[in-house]
Amino acid sequence: MNADTLANIAGFVGAVIILGGFARQTLKEAAPDLLYHLANFAGASLLAISLVINFNLPALLLELAWAGIALFGLVQLKWTCK
């Protein structure tokens, strides 16, 4: 399997994870929780890895921002759980 194929697989898995987390949170009609932030962080990270191989600067910046916001949510959730 070549790098392009692996990058595409990572991108598709990342997209499914983000959409699944969003759908779960929306259908639950609740405030974002740990699983939501983890799904967003993991999905955005996988998509960013995919975009490094199949370079697309605007999409890469979007995914890095998405991962950063999800990471901020995880840190914020950690602080409020103490």
C-alpha atoms as a PDB file:
ATOM      1  CA  MET A   1       0.000   0.000   0.000  1.00  0.00           C
ATOM      2  CA  ASN A   2       1.464   3.373  -0.972  1.00  0.00           C
ATOM      3  CA  ALA A   3       1.441   6.661   0.970  1.00  0.00           C
ATOM      4  CA  ASP A   4      -1.412   8.144  -1.068  1.00  0.00           C
ATOM      5  CA  THR A   5      -3.659   5.190  -0.332  1.00  0.00           C
ATOM      6  CA  LEU A   6      -2.846   5.281   3.390  1.00  0.00           C
ATOM      7  CA  ALA A   7      -3.445   9.038   3.441  1.00  0.00           C
ATOM      8  CA  ASN A   8      -6.829   8.586   1.780  1.00  0.00           C
ATOM      9  CA  ILE A   9      -7.789   5.871   4.270  1.00  0.00           C
ATOM     10  CA  ALA A  10      -6.743   8.117   7.180  1.00  0.00           C
ATOM     11  CA  GLY A  11      -8.761  10.972   5.689  1.00  0.00           C
ATOM     12  CA  PHE A  12     -11.889   8.868   5.230  1.00  0.00           C
ATOM     13  CA  VAL A  13     -11.622   7.409   8.750  1.00  0.00           C
ATOM     14  CA  GLY A  14     -11.089  10.901  10.166  1.00  0.00           C
ATOM     15  CA  ALA A  15     -14.138  12.252   8.350  1.00  0.00           C
ATOM     16  CA  VAL A  16     -16.302   9.375   9.596  1.00  0.00           C
ATOM     17  CA  ILE A  17     -15.088   9.922  13.182  1.00  0.00           C
ATOM     18  CA  ILE A  18     -15.860  13.656  13.071  1.00  0.00           C
ATOM     19  CA  LEU A  19     -19.284  13.117  11.515  1.00  0.00           C
ATOM     20  CA  GLY A  20     -20.092  10.308  13.940  1.00  0.00           C
ATOM     21  CA  GLY A  21     -19.174  12.453  16.945  1.00  0.00           C
ATOM     22  CA  PHE A  22     -21.192  15.365  15.612  1.00  0.00           C
ATOM     23  CA  ALA A  23     -24.213  13.180  14.857  1.00  0.00           C
ATOM     24  CA  ARG A  24     -24.042  11.546  18.302  1.00  0.00           C
ATOM     25  CA  GLN A  25     -23.890  14.891  20.083  1.00  0.00           C
ATOM     26  CA  THR A  26     -26.644  16.416  17.952  1.00  0.00           C
ATOM     27  CA  LEU A  27     -29.017  13.474  18.346  1.00  0.00           C
ATOM     28  CA  LYS A  28     -28.324  13.420  22.078  1.00  0.00           C
ATOM     29  CA  GLU A  29     -29.069  17.160  22.291  1.00  0.00           C
ATOM     30  CA  ALA A  30     -26.566  17.591  25.105  1.00  0.00           C
ATOM     31  CA  ALA A  31     -23.528  19.692  25.844  1.00  0.00           C
ATOM     32  CA  PRO A  32     -20.263  18.483  24.291  1.00  0.00           C
ATOM     33  CA  ASP A  33     -18.636  15.754  26.365  1.00  0.00           C
ATOM     34  CA  LEU A  34     -15.335  13.873  26.443  1.00  0.00           C
ATOM     35  CA  LEU A  35     -16.245  11.521  23.585  1.00  0.00           C
ATOM     36  CA  TYR A  36     -17.307  14.438  21.383  1.00  0.00           C
ATOM     37  CA  HIS A  37     -14.022  16.285  21.888  1.00  0.00           C
ATOM     38  CA  LEU A  38     -11.968  13.104  21.453  1.00  0.00           C
ATOM     39  CA  ALA A  39     -13.786  12.269  18.216  1.00  0.00           C
ATOM     40  CA  ASN A  40     -13.210  15.768  16.868  1.00  0.00           C
ATOM     41  CA  PHE A  41      -9.541  15.741  17.850  1.00  0.00           C
ATOM     42  CA  ALA A  42      -8.885  12.253  16.437  1.00  0.00           C
ATOM     43  CA  GLY A  43     -10.835  12.877  13.255  1.00  0.00           C
ATOM     44  CA  ALA A  44      -9.255  16.259  12.564  1.00  0.00           C
ATOM     45  CA  SER A  45      -5.784  14.858  13.280  1.00  0.00           C
ATOM     46  CA  LEU A  46      -6.286  11.981  10.843  1.00  0.00           C
ATOM     47  CA  LEU A  47      -7.576  14.361   8.191  1.00  0.00           C
ATOM     48  CA  ALA A  48      -4.583  16.668   8.774  1.00  0.00           C
ATOM     49  CA  ILE A  49      -2.205  13.720   8.303  1.00  0.00           C
ATOM     50  CA  SER A  50      -4.029  12.873   5.087  1.00  0.00           C
ATOM     51  CA  LEU A  51      -3.699  16.476   3.902  1.00  0.00           C
ATOM     52  CA  VAL A  52       0.042  16.543   4.551  1.00  0.00           C
ATOM     53  CA  ILE A  53       0.413  13.692   2.034  1.00  0.00           C
ATOM     54  CA  ASN A  54      -2.241  14.956  -0.399  1.00  0.00           C
ATOM     55  CA  PHE A  55      -1.411  18.610   0.195  1.00  0.00           C
ATOM     56  CA  ASN A  56      -4.214  21.146   0.296  1.00  0.00           C
ATOM     57  CA  LEU A  57      -3.241  24.174   2.401  1.00  0.00           C
ATOM     58  CA  PRO A  58      -6.709  25.628   3.113  1.00  0.00           C
ATOM     59  CA  ALA A  59      -8.104  22.247   4.169  1.00  0.00           C
ATOM     60  CA  LEU A  60      -4.981  21.494   6.232  1.00  0.00           C
ATOM     61  CA  LEU A  61      -5.306  24.806   8.095  1.00  0.00           C
ATOM     62  CA  LEU A  62      -8.988  24.087   8.718  1.00  0.00           C
ATOM     63  CA  GLU A  63      -8.229  20.652  10.187  1.00  0.00           C
ATOM     64  CA  LEU A  64      -5.391  21.992  12.332  1.00  0.00           C
ATOM     65  CA  ALA A  65      -7.746  24.668  13.685  1.00  0.00           C
ATOM     66  CA  TRP A  66     -10.450  22.022  14.257  1.00  0.00           C
ATOM     67  CA  ALA A  67      -7.980  19.802  16.137  1.00  0.00           C
ATOM     68  CA  GLY A  68      -6.779  22.788  18.170  1.00  0.00           C
ATOM     69  CA  ILE A  69     -10.311  23.752  19.181  1.00  0.00           C
ATOM     70  CA  ALA A  70     -11.069  20.127  20.118  1.00  0.00           C
ATOM     71  CA  LEU A  71      -7.858  19.978  22.165  1.00  0.00           C
ATOM     72  CA  PHE A  72      -8.887  23.193  23.928  1.00  0.00           C
ATOM     73  CA  GLY A  73     -12.259  21.578  24.671  1.00  0.00           C
ATOM     74  CA  LEU A  74     -10.524  18.520  26.126  1.00  0.00           C
ATOM     75  CA  VAL A  75      -8.302  20.682  28.343  1.00  0.00           C
ATOM     76  CA  GLN A  76     -11.263  22.784  29.431  1.00  0.00           C
ATOM     77  CA  LEU A  77     -13.269  19.622  30.205  1.00  0.00           C
ATOM     78  CA  LYS A  78     -10.346  18.269  32.242  1.00  0.00           C
ATOM     79  CA  TRP A  79     -10.182  21.461  34.314  1.00  0.00           C
ATOM     80  CA  THR A  80     -13.921  21.504  35.017  1.00  0.00           C
ATOM     81  CA  CYS A  81     -13.947  17.840  36.114  1.00  0.00           C
ATOM     82  CA  LYS A  82     -11.612  18.426  39.085  1.00  0.00           C
END
